[in-house]
């Protein structure tokens, strides 16, 4: 079954379980609203790619891991958009959850999705308890403090920001989780996959800085110019557009070099190259970055 189908089936199953009667109807609707449309599903696709590269000997466990990871990501978007953080009106081309359902239900939606993610993995323990425990451990570490996405959001409230720690937690954490959980789901050691996830996450952070600076709200499906608005450090301000694109491609080249030895090593290298092409802003994909005036 294609990765897209595996991911959507697993997420849909989790949402249906969360909507089982009796349950509050508005919150049940908000859960579905949050995960659809699903965006690119980059993190779960990376997870399944790593699992496939490592043999994918327990695909149902890998599917559960992919769904759990994406549910955490979706929860983080709901919370990021709240007025107390980014105060964003749109997400994925439609009203943000707090605009569609109100702030109280948005908070509960994010919380519910986080709990749902861990519930998915506890139920998957019947498939392989030892692997499921390791999956739970990684997901918890990359969600909370001190190295997860909660820490990443927390850095924005500090007067002095450790930029490396900030980016690694806010953006890199779930990519590290993706590579490590993919390996674990296939029965491999997750530790050796951390570097690959960190490098992919760093590249995505630079790409996100580029999108925020170059695209409009209609193209992004969410508010643009947020880095400047909130005074956040970003690669475009530091390096310029051309420099940021070069930086992103350098990071992804390093990511390819960091892929651990595995049966699907060549396949993963192609996946990373494909991500580089996808992440590069359309206007500069043909190597035009070096000709940008003023850069």
C-alpha atoms as a PDB file:
ATOM      1  CA  UNK A   1       0.000   0.000   0.000  1.00  0.00           C
ATOM      2  CA  UNK A   2       1.385   3.472  -0.868  1.00  0.00           C
ATOM      3  CA  UNK A   3       2.649   5.590   2.022  1.00  0.00           C
ATOM      4  CA  UNK A   4      -0.142   8.147   1.570  1.00  0.00           C
ATOM      5  CA  UNK A   5      -2.817   5.474   1.934  1.00  0.00           C
ATOM      6  CA  UNK A   6      -1.123   3.920   4.953  1.00  0.00           C
ATOM      7  CA  UNK A   7      -0.867   7.271   6.705  1.00  0.00           C
ATOM      8  CA  UNK A   8      -4.414   8.437   5.983  1.00  0.00           C
ATOM      9  CA  UNK A   9      -5.913   5.091   6.972  1.00  0.00           C
ATOM     10  CA  UNK A  10      -4.083   5.086  10.301  1.00  0.00           C
ATOM     11  CA  UNK A  11      -4.968   8.705  11.089  1.00  0.00           C
ATOM     12  CA  UNK A  12      -8.619   8.208  10.142  1.00  0.00           C
ATOM     13  CA  UNK A  13      -8.826   5.182  12.417  1.00  0.00           C
ATOM     14  CA  UNK A  14      -7.408   7.166  15.337  1.00  0.00           C
ATOM     15  CA  UNK A  15      -9.818  10.066  14.774  1.00  0.00           C
ATOM     16  CA  UNK A  16     -12.819   7.738  14.538  1.00  0.00           C
ATOM     17  CA  UNK A  17     -11.839   6.162  17.846  1.00  0.00           C
ATOM     18  CA  UNK A  18     -11.631   9.635  19.365  1.00  0.00           C
ATOM     19  CA  UNK A  19     -15.100  10.480  18.102  1.00  0.00           C
ATOM     20  CA  UNK A  20     -16.809   7.371  19.502  1.00  0.00           C
ATOM     21  CA  UNK A  21     -20.179   8.069  21.123  1.00  0.00           C
ATOM     22  CA  UNK A  22     -20.972   9.407  23.569  1.00  0.00           C
ATOM     23  CA  UNK A  23     -18.645  12.338  22.982  1.00  0.00           C
ATOM     24  CA  UNK A  24     -19.044  16.140  22.695  1.00  0.00           C
ATOM     25  CA  UNK A  25     -19.973  16.794  19.095  1.00  0.00           C
ATOM     26  CA  UNK A  26     -18.145  20.083  18.566  1.00  0.00           C
ATOM     27  CA  UNK A  27     -14.859  18.744  19.890  1.00  0.00           C
ATOM     28  CA  UNK A  28     -15.306  15.585  17.818  1.00  0.00           C
ATOM     29  CA  UNK A  29     -15.806  17.741  14.719  1.00  0.00           C
ATOM     30  CA  UNK A  30     -12.770  19.856  15.574  1.00  0.00           C
ATOM     31  CA  UNK A  31     -10.585  16.755  15.638  1.00  0.00           C
ATOM     32  CA  UNK A  32     -11.551  15.877  12.072  1.00  0.00           C
ATOM     33  CA  UNK A  33     -11.273  19.501  10.969  1.00  0.00           C
ATOM     34  CA  UNK A  34      -7.729  19.734  12.294  1.00  0.00           C
ATOM     35  CA  UNK A  35      -6.267  16.724  10.483  1.00  0.00           C
ATOM     36  CA  UNK A  36      -7.985  17.352   7.114  1.00  0.00           C
ATOM     37  CA  UNK A  37      -6.804  18.383   4.638  1.00  0.00           C
ATOM     38  CA  UNK A  38      -3.573  16.870   5.776  1.00  0.00           C
ATOM     39  CA  UNK A  39      -0.902  18.988   4.156  1.00  0.00           C
ATOM     40  CA  UNK A  40       2.170  17.206   2.835  1.00  0.00           C
ATOM     41  CA  UNK A  41       2.430  14.670   5.705  1.00  0.00           C
ATOM     42  CA  UNK A  42       6.203  15.041   5.406  1.00  0.00           C
ATOM     43  CA  UNK A  43       7.085  13.693   8.852  1.00  0.00           C
ATOM     44  CA  UNK A  44       5.108  10.437   8.641  1.00  0.00           C
ATOM     45  CA  UNK A  45       6.365   9.893   5.088  1.00  0.00           C
ATOM     46  CA  UNK A  46       9.950  10.191   6.302  1.00  0.00           C
ATOM     47  CA  UNK A  47       9.130   7.761   9.109  1.00  0.00           C
ATOM     48  CA  UNK A  48       7.724   5.184   6.695  1.00  0.00           C
ATOM     49  CA  UNK A  49      10.629   5.739   4.304  1.00  0.00           C
ATOM     50  CA  UNK A  50      13.134   4.932   7.034  1.00  0.00           C
ATOM     51  CA  UNK A  51      11.093   1.938   8.139  1.00  0.00           C
ATOM     52  CA  UNK A  52      11.013   0.682   4.538  1.00  0.00           C
ATOM     53  CA  UNK A  53      14.761   1.219   4.211  1.00  0.00           C
ATOM     54  CA  UNK A  54      15.263  -0.880   7.341  1.00  0.00           C
ATOM     55  CA  UNK A  55      13.052  -3.748   6.150  1.00  0.00           C
ATOM     56  CA  UNK A  56       9.555  -2.694   7.346  1.00  0.00           C
ATOM     57  CA  UNK A  57       8.987  -6.080   8.978  1.00  0.00           C
ATOM     58  CA  UNK A  58       6.049  -4.791  11.071  1.00  0.00           C
ATOM     59  CA  UNK A  59       4.121  -2.391   8.808  1.00  0.00           C
ATOM     60  CA  UNK A  60       1.139  -2.021  11.139  1.00  0.00           C
ATOM     61  CA  UNK A  61       3.441  -0.828  13.901  1.00  0.00           C
ATOM     62  CA  UNK A  62       5.089   1.597  11.486  1.00  0.00           C
ATOM     63  CA  UNK A  63       1.650   2.862  10.451  1.00  0.00           C
ATOM     64  CA  UNK A  64       0.720   3.468  14.088  1.00  0.00           C
ATOM     65  CA  UNK A  65       3.993   5.327  14.653  1.00  0.00           C
ATOM     66  CA  UNK A  66       3.385   7.463  11.563  1.00  0.00           C
ATOM     67  CA  UNK A  67      -0.131   8.363  12.701  1.00  0.00           C
ATOM     68  CA  UNK A  68       1.033   9.189  16.223  1.00  0.00           C
ATOM     69  CA  UNK A  69       3.764  11.478  14.912  1.00  0.00           C
ATOM     70  CA  UNK A  70       1.398  13.341  12.587  1.00  0.00           C
ATOM     71  CA  UNK A  71      -1.182  13.762  15.353  1.00  0.00           C
ATOM     72  CA  UNK A  72       1.462  15.457  17.507  1.00  0.00           C
ATOM     73  CA  UNK A  73       2.383  17.712  14.592  1.00  0.00           C
ATOM     74  CA  UNK A  74      -1.262  18.654  14.003  1.00  0.00           C
ATOM     75  CA  UNK A  75      -1.717  19.378  17.704  1.00  0.00           C
ATOM     76  CA  UNK A  76       1.294  21.684  17.645  1.00  0.00           C
ATOM     77  CA  UNK A  77      -0.188  23.652  14.742  1.00  0.00           C
ATOM     78  CA  UNK A  78      -3.448  24.193  16.628  1.00  0.00           C
ATOM     79  CA  UNK A  79      -1.573  25.514  19.643  1.00  0.00           C
ATOM     80  CA  UNK A  80       0.883  27.590  17.553  1.00  0.00           C
ATOM     81  CA  UNK A  81      -2.019  29.441  15.914  1.00  0.00           C
ATOM     82  CA  UNK A  82      -3.644  30.487  19.207  1.00  0.00           C
ATOM     83  CA  UNK A  83      -3.775  34.210  20.068  1.00  0.00           C
ATOM     84  CA  UNK A  84      -1.307  33.681  22.913  1.00  0.00           C
ATOM     85  CA  UNK A  85       1.310  32.482  20.399  1.00  0.00           C
ATOM     86  CA  UNK A  86       1.171  33.395  16.688  1.00  0.00           C
ATOM     87  CA  UNK A  87      -2.451  34.628  16.639  1.00  0.00           C
ATOM     88  CA  UNK A  88      -2.874  33.210  13.120  1.00  0.00           C
ATOM     89  CA  UNK A  89      -6.247  33.366  11.417  1.00  0.00           C
ATOM     90  CA  UNK A  90      -5.614  30.697   8.788  1.00  0.00           C
ATOM     91  CA  UNK A  91      -3.958  27.306   8.509  1.00  0.00           C
ATOM     92  CA  UNK A  92      -3.755  25.077   5.437  1.00  0.00           C
ATOM     93  CA  UNK A  93      -5.931  27.500   3.510  1.00  0.00           C
ATOM     94  CA  UNK A  94      -8.865  27.598   5.917  1.00  0.00           C
ATOM     95  CA  UNK A  95      -9.715  29.267   9.252  1.00  0.00           C
ATOM     96  CA  UNK A  96      -7.456  28.195  12.109  1.00  0.00           C
ATOM     97  CA  UNK A  97      -9.150  25.934  14.640  1.00  0.00           C
ATOM     98  CA  UNK A  98      -9.596  28.714  17.217  1.00  0.00           C
ATOM     99  CA  UNK A  99     -11.284  30.838  14.548  1.00  0.00           C
ATOM    100  CA  UNK A 100     -13.584  28.016  13.433  1.00  0.00           C
ATOM    101  CA  UNK A 101     -14.450  26.593  16.863  1.00  0.00           C
ATOM    102  CA  UNK A 102     -13.331  29.152  19.457  1.00  0.00           C
ATOM    103  CA  UNK A 103     -10.287  29.242  21.719  1.00  0.00           C
ATOM    104  CA  UNK A 104     -11.495  26.818  24.424  1.00  0.00           C
ATOM    105  CA  UNK A 105     -12.215  24.071  21.898  1.00  0.00           C
ATOM    106  CA  UNK A 106      -8.943  24.767  20.101  1.00  0.00           C
ATOM    107  CA  UNK A 107      -6.989  24.198  23.310  1.00  0.00           C
ATOM    108  CA  UNK A 108      -8.944  21.002  23.952  1.00  0.00           C
ATOM    109  CA  UNK A 109      -8.425  19.863  20.355  1.00  0.00           C
ATOM    110  CA  UNK A 110      -4.665  20.205  20.615  1.00  0.00           C
ATOM    111  CA  UNK A 111      -4.632  18.484  23.989  1.00  0.00           C
ATOM    112  CA  UNK A 112      -6.845  15.660  22.718  1.00  0.00           C
ATOM    113  CA  UNK A 113      -4.626  15.038  19.697  1.00  0.00           C
ATOM    114  CA  UNK A 114      -1.524  14.811  21.900  1.00  0.00           C
ATOM    115  CA  UNK A 115      -3.191  12.239  24.148  1.00  0.00           C
ATOM    116  CA  UNK A 116      -4.535  10.419  21.081  1.00  0.00           C
ATOM    117  CA  UNK A 117      -1.022  10.081  19.674  1.00  0.00           C
ATOM    118  CA  UNK A 118       0.211   8.264  22.745  1.00  0.00           C
ATOM    119  CA  UNK A 119      -2.969   6.191  22.895  1.00  0.00           C
ATOM    120  CA  UNK A 120      -2.338   4.983  19.338  1.00  0.00           C
ATOM    121  CA  UNK A 121       1.089   3.711  20.365  1.00  0.00           C
ATOM    122  CA  UNK A 122      -0.145   2.053  23.557  1.00  0.00           C
ATOM    123  CA  UNK A 123      -2.690   0.100  21.520  1.00  0.00           C
ATOM    124  CA  UNK A 124       0.042  -0.809  19.043  1.00  0.00           C
ATOM    125  CA  UNK A 125       2.001  -2.431  21.860  1.00  0.00           C
ATOM    126  CA  UNK A 126       0.095  -5.617  21.108  1.00  0.00           C
ATOM    127  CA  UNK A 127       2.090  -5.818  17.874  1.00  0.00           C
ATOM    128  CA  UNK A 128       5.493  -5.602  19.595  1.00  0.00           C
ATOM    129  CA  UNK A 129       5.640  -4.347  23.159  1.00  0.00           C
ATOM    130  CA  UNK A 130       9.395  -3.695  23.274  1.00  0.00           C
ATOM    131  CA  UNK A 131       9.370  -1.609  20.102  1.00  0.00           C
ATOM    132  CA  UNK A 132       6.224   0.245  21.196  1.00  0.00           C
ATOM    133  CA  UNK A 133       7.888   1.290  24.455  1.00  0.00           C
ATOM    134  CA  UNK A 134      10.844   2.689  22.515  1.00  0.00           C
ATOM    135  CA  UNK A 135       8.473   4.511  20.163  1.00  0.00           C
ATOM    136  CA  UNK A 136       6.650   6.058  23.127  1.00  0.00           C
ATOM    137  CA  UNK A 137       9.950   7.127  24.659  1.00  0.00           C
ATOM    138  CA  UNK A 138      11.148   8.888  21.499  1.00  0.00           C
ATOM    139  CA  UNK A 139       7.821  10.600  20.879  1.00  0.00           C
ATOM    140  CA  UNK A 140       7.702  11.860  24.468  1.00  0.00           C
ATOM    141  CA  UNK A 141      11.282  13.163  24.326  1.00  0.00           C
ATOM    142  CA  UNK A 142      10.651  15.004  21.069  1.00  0.00           C
ATOM    143  CA  UNK A 143       7.328  16.471  22.215  1.00  0.00           C
ATOM    144  CA  UNK A 144       8.046  17.811  25.711  1.00  0.00           C
ATOM    145  CA  UNK A 145      10.913  19.307  27.686  1.00  0.00           C
ATOM    146  CA  UNK A 146      13.831  19.821  27.417  1.00  0.00           C
ATOM    147  CA  UNK A 147      14.374  18.789  23.781  1.00  0.00           C
ATOM    148  CA  UNK A 148      10.928  18.634  22.210  1.00  0.00           C
ATOM    149  CA  UNK A 149       8.584  20.995  20.416  1.00  0.00           C
ATOM    150  CA  UNK A 150       7.271  22.372  23.722  1.00  0.00           C
ATOM    151  CA  UNK A 151      10.798  23.523  24.482  1.00  0.00           C
ATOM    152  CA  UNK A 152      10.987  25.043  21.005  1.00  0.00           C
ATOM    153  CA  UNK A 153       7.905  27.139  21.688  1.00  0.00           C
ATOM    154  CA  UNK A 154       9.223  27.982  25.135  1.00  0.00           C
ATOM    155  CA  UNK A 155      12.426  29.489  23.753  1.00  0.00           C
ATOM    156  CA  UNK A 156      10.335  32.264  22.185  1.00  0.00           C
ATOM    157  CA  UNK A 157       9.526  33.560  25.676  1.00  0.00           C
ATOM    158  CA  UNK A 158      13.200  33.885  26.645  1.00  0.00           C
ATOM    159  CA  UNK A 159      15.054  37.197  26.540  1.00  0.00           C
ATOM    160  CA  UNK A 160      18.164  35.446  25.241  1.00  0.00           C
ATOM    161  CA  UNK A 161      17.632  32.641  22.717  1.00  0.00           C
ATOM    162  CA  UNK A 162      20.028  29.772  22.100  1.00  0.00           C
ATOM    163  CA  UNK A 163      19.380  29.735  18.348  1.00  0.00           C
ATOM    164  CA  UNK A 164      20.728  26.234  17.768  1.00  0.00           C
ATOM    165  CA  UNK A 165      18.687  24.743  20.614  1.00  0.00           C
ATOM    166  CA  UNK A 166      15.636  26.740  19.521  1.00  0.00           C
ATOM    167  CA  UNK A 167      15.678  25.453  15.937  1.00  0.00           C
ATOM    168  CA  UNK A 168      16.557  21.897  16.955  1.00  0.00           C
ATOM    169  CA  UNK A 169      13.592  21.783  19.347  1.00  0.00           C
ATOM    170  CA  UNK A 170      10.976  23.784  17.452  1.00  0.00           C
ATOM    171  CA  UNK A 171      11.520  22.293  13.996  1.00  0.00           C
ATOM    172  CA  UNK A 172      14.094  19.529  14.277  1.00  0.00           C
ATOM    173  CA  UNK A 173      12.512  17.551  17.107  1.00  0.00           C
ATOM    174  CA  UNK A 174       9.738  15.897  15.119  1.00  0.00           C
ATOM    175  CA  UNK A 175      12.055  15.155  12.197  1.00  0.00           C
ATOM    176  CA  UNK A 176      14.434  13.432  14.608  1.00  0.00           C
ATOM    177  CA  UNK A 177      11.415  11.542  15.916  1.00  0.00           C
ATOM    178  CA  UNK A 178      10.480  10.587  12.340  1.00  0.00           C
ATOM    179  CA  UNK A 179      13.828   8.997  11.504  1.00  0.00           C
ATOM    180  CA  UNK A 180      14.298   7.347  14.892  1.00  0.00           C
ATOM    181  CA  UNK A 181      10.741   6.001  15.090  1.00  0.00           C
ATOM    182  CA  UNK A 182      10.937   4.648  11.549  1.00  0.00           C
ATOM    183  CA  UNK A 183      14.026   2.654  12.448  1.00  0.00           C
ATOM    184  CA  UNK A 184      12.573   1.466  15.755  1.00  0.00           C
ATOM    185  CA  UNK A 185       9.335   0.333  14.117  1.00  0.00           C
ATOM    186  CA  UNK A 186      11.438  -1.906  11.852  1.00  0.00           C
ATOM    187  CA  UNK A 187      13.400  -3.336  14.766  1.00  0.00           C
ATOM    188  CA  UNK A 188      16.550  -1.222  14.369  1.00  0.00           C
ATOM    189  CA  UNK A 189      18.447   0.997  16.798  1.00  0.00           C
ATOM    190  CA  UNK A 190      16.966   4.479  16.648  1.00  0.00           C
ATOM    191  CA  UNK A 191      19.948   6.328  18.115  1.00  0.00           C
ATOM    192  CA  UNK A 192      22.044   6.150  14.961  1.00  0.00           C
ATOM    193  CA  UNK A 193      19.257   7.849  12.993  1.00  0.00           C
ATOM    194  CA  UNK A 194      19.231  11.038  15.079  1.00  0.00           C
ATOM    195  CA  UNK A 195      21.723  12.923  12.934  1.00  0.00           C
ATOM    196  CA  UNK A 196      19.738  12.366   9.737  1.00  0.00           C
ATOM    197  CA  UNK A 197      16.566  13.653  11.367  1.00  0.00           C
ATOM    198  CA  UNK A 198      18.352  16.671  12.814  1.00  0.00           C
ATOM    199  CA  UNK A 199      19.809  17.633   9.444  1.00  0.00           C
ATOM    200  CA  UNK A 200      16.479  17.261   7.645  1.00  0.00           C
ATOM    201  CA  UNK A 201      14.836  19.319  10.378  1.00  0.00           C
ATOM    202  CA  UNK A 202      17.457  22.056  10.043  1.00  0.00           C
ATOM    203  CA  UNK A 203      16.891  22.169   6.292  1.00  0.00           C
ATOM    204  CA  UNK A 204      13.142  22.428   6.795  1.00  0.00           C
ATOM    205  CA  UNK A 205      13.669  25.332   9.198  1.00  0.00           C
ATOM    206  CA  UNK A 206      15.639  27.229   6.565  1.00  0.00           C
ATOM    207  CA  UNK A 207      13.002  26.364   3.962  1.00  0.00           C
ATOM    208  CA  UNK A 208      10.280  27.615   6.300  1.00  0.00           C
ATOM    209  CA  UNK A 209      12.173  30.876   6.735  1.00  0.00           C
ATOM    210  CA  UNK A 210      12.311  31.201   2.941  1.00  0.00           C
ATOM    211  CA  UNK A 211       8.604  30.499   2.504  1.00  0.00           C
ATOM    212  CA  UNK A 212       7.725  32.977   5.243  1.00  0.00           C
ATOM    213  CA  UNK A 213       9.786  35.690   3.566  1.00  0.00           C
ATOM    214  CA  UNK A 214       8.931  35.022  -0.088  1.00  0.00           C
ATOM    215  CA  UNK A 215       5.375  33.735  -0.272  1.00  0.00           C
ATOM    216  CA  UNK A 216       2.029  35.398   0.363  1.00  0.00           C
ATOM    217  CA  UNK A 217      -0.735  34.125   2.625  1.00  0.00           C
ATOM    218  CA  UNK A 218      -2.701  32.595  -0.248  1.00  0.00           C
ATOM    219  CA  UNK A 219       0.294  30.533  -1.381  1.00  0.00           C
ATOM    220  CA  UNK A 220       1.263  29.470   2.131  1.00  0.00           C
ATOM    221  CA  UNK A 221      -2.259  28.751   3.364  1.00  0.00           C
ATOM    222  CA  UNK A 222      -1.310  30.611   6.566  1.00  0.00           C
ATOM    223  CA  UNK A 223      -0.161  34.139   7.486  1.00  0.00           C
ATOM    224  CA  UNK A 224       3.107  35.221   5.854  1.00  0.00           C
ATOM    225  CA  UNK A 225       5.848  37.453   7.240  1.00  0.00           C
ATOM    226  CA  UNK A 226       5.540  36.064  10.747  1.00  0.00           C
ATOM    227  CA  UNK A 227       9.294  36.014  11.421  1.00  0.00           C
ATOM    228  CA  UNK A 228       9.597  39.768  10.888  1.00  0.00           C
ATOM    229  CA  UNK A 229       6.338  40.445  12.711  1.00  0.00           C
ATOM    230  CA  UNK A 230       7.446  38.550  15.828  1.00  0.00           C
ATOM    231  CA  UNK A 231      11.125  39.484  15.607  1.00  0.00           C
ATOM    232  CA  UNK A 232      12.294  35.883  15.263  1.00  0.00           C
ATOM    233  CA  UNK A 233      15.787  35.012  14.102  1.00  0.00           C
ATOM    234  CA  UNK A 234      15.702  33.506  10.623  1.00  0.00           C
ATOM    235  CA  UNK A 235      18.014  32.378   7.833  1.00  0.00           C
ATOM    236  CA  UNK A 236      16.796  34.899   5.243  1.00  0.00           C
ATOM    237  CA  UNK A 237      17.541  37.868   7.508  1.00  0.00           C
ATOM    238  CA  UNK A 238      20.965  36.437   8.272  1.00  0.00           C
ATOM    239  CA  UNK A 239      22.021  35.090   4.861  1.00  0.00           C
ATOM    240  CA  UNK A 240      19.735  36.634   2.250  1.00  0.00           C
ATOM    241  CA  UNK A 241      17.556  34.578  -0.082  1.00  0.00           C
ATOM    242  CA  UNK A 242      20.347  33.111  -2.198  1.00  0.00           C
ATOM    243  CA  UNK A 243      22.474  32.363   0.847  1.00  0.00           C
ATOM    244  CA  UNK A 244      19.565  30.671   2.622  1.00  0.00           C
ATOM    245  CA  UNK A 245      18.884  28.467  -0.401  1.00  0.00           C
ATOM    246  CA  UNK A 246      22.534  27.478  -0.597  1.00  0.00           C
ATOM    247  CA  UNK A 247      22.554  26.789   3.138  1.00  0.00           C
ATOM    248  CA  UNK A 248      19.501  24.552   2.844  1.00  0.00           C
ATOM    249  CA  UNK A 249      21.034  22.531   0.014  1.00  0.00           C
ATOM    250  CA  UNK A 250      24.322  22.170   1.911  1.00  0.00           C
ATOM    251  CA  UNK A 251      22.454  20.832   4.929  1.00  0.00           C
ATOM    252  CA  UNK A 252      20.597  18.281   2.802  1.00  0.00           C
ATOM    253  CA  UNK A 253      23.851  17.165   1.184  1.00  0.00           C
ATOM    254  CA  UNK A 254      25.139  16.505   4.676  1.00  0.00           C
ATOM    255  CA  UNK A 255      21.936  14.645   5.458  1.00  0.00           C
ATOM    256  CA  UNK A 256      22.616  12.193   2.632  1.00  0.00           C
ATOM    257  CA  UNK A 257      26.100  11.559   4.005  1.00  0.00           C
ATOM    258  CA  UNK A 258      24.630  10.855   7.450  1.00  0.00           C
ATOM    259  CA  UNK A 259      22.271   8.066   6.332  1.00  0.00           C
ATOM    260  CA  UNK A 260      23.208   4.920   8.303  1.00  0.00           C
ATOM    261  CA  UNK A 261      24.040   1.753   6.411  1.00  0.00           C
ATOM    262  CA  UNK A 262      20.801  -0.045   5.595  1.00  0.00           C
ATOM    263  CA  UNK A 263      19.247  -2.021   2.699  1.00  0.00           C
ATOM    264  CA  UNK A 264      17.362   1.059   1.484  1.00  0.00           C
ATOM    265  CA  UNK A 265      20.197   3.561   1.739  1.00  0.00           C
ATOM    266  CA  UNK A 266      20.004   4.545  -1.952  1.00  0.00           C
ATOM    267  CA  UNK A 267      16.237   4.983  -1.737  1.00  0.00           C
ATOM    268  CA  UNK A 268      16.609   7.334   1.233  1.00  0.00           C
ATOM    269  CA  UNK A 269      19.222   9.380  -0.620  1.00  0.00           C
ATOM    270  CA  UNK A 270      16.726   9.846  -3.470  1.00  0.00           C
ATOM    271  CA  UNK A 271      14.066  10.851  -0.946  1.00  0.00           C
ATOM    272  CA  UNK A 272      16.316  13.538   0.544  1.00  0.00           C
ATOM    273  CA  UNK A 273      17.188  14.854  -2.929  1.00  0.00           C
ATOM    274  CA  UNK A 274      13.493  15.014  -3.762  1.00  0.00           C
ATOM    275  CA  UNK A 275      12.884  17.021  -0.593  1.00  0.00           C
ATOM    276  CA  UNK A 276      15.609  19.474  -1.620  1.00  0.00           C
ATOM    277  CA  UNK A 277      13.847  20.071  -4.924  1.00  0.00           C
ATOM    278  CA  UNK A 278      10.451  20.416  -3.267  1.00  0.00           C
ATOM    279  CA  UNK A 279      11.697  22.795  -0.566  1.00  0.00           C
ATOM    280  CA  UNK A 280      13.495  25.170  -2.919  1.00  0.00           C
ATOM    281  CA  UNK A 281      11.186  28.106  -3.751  1.00  0.00           C
ATOM    282  CA  UNK A 282       9.771  27.557  -7.245  1.00  0.00           C
ATOM    283  CA  UNK A 283      11.242  30.740  -8.685  1.00  0.00           C
ATOM    284  CA  UNK A 284      14.773  29.587  -7.863  1.00  0.00           C
ATOM    285  CA  UNK A 285      14.622  25.847  -8.519  1.00  0.00           C
ATOM    286  CA  UNK A 286      16.586  26.020 -11.761  1.00  0.00           C
ATOM    287  CA  UNK A 287      19.746  27.237 -10.057  1.00  0.00           C
ATOM    288  CA  UNK A 288      18.825  30.901 -10.466  1.00  0.00           C
ATOM    289  CA  UNK A 289      19.668  31.782  -6.865  1.00  0.00           C
ATOM    290  CA  UNK A 290      23.182  32.886  -7.765  1.00  0.00           C
ATOM    291  CA  UNK A 291      21.736  35.504 -10.124  1.00  0.00           C
ATOM    292  CA  UNK A 292      19.438  37.232  -7.639  1.00  0.00           C
ATOM    293  CA  UNK A 293      20.180  40.977  -7.809  1.00  0.00           C
ATOM    294  CA  UNK A 294      21.890  42.297  -4.719  1.00  0.00           C
ATOM    295  CA  UNK A 295      22.781  38.870  -3.344  1.00  0.00           C
END
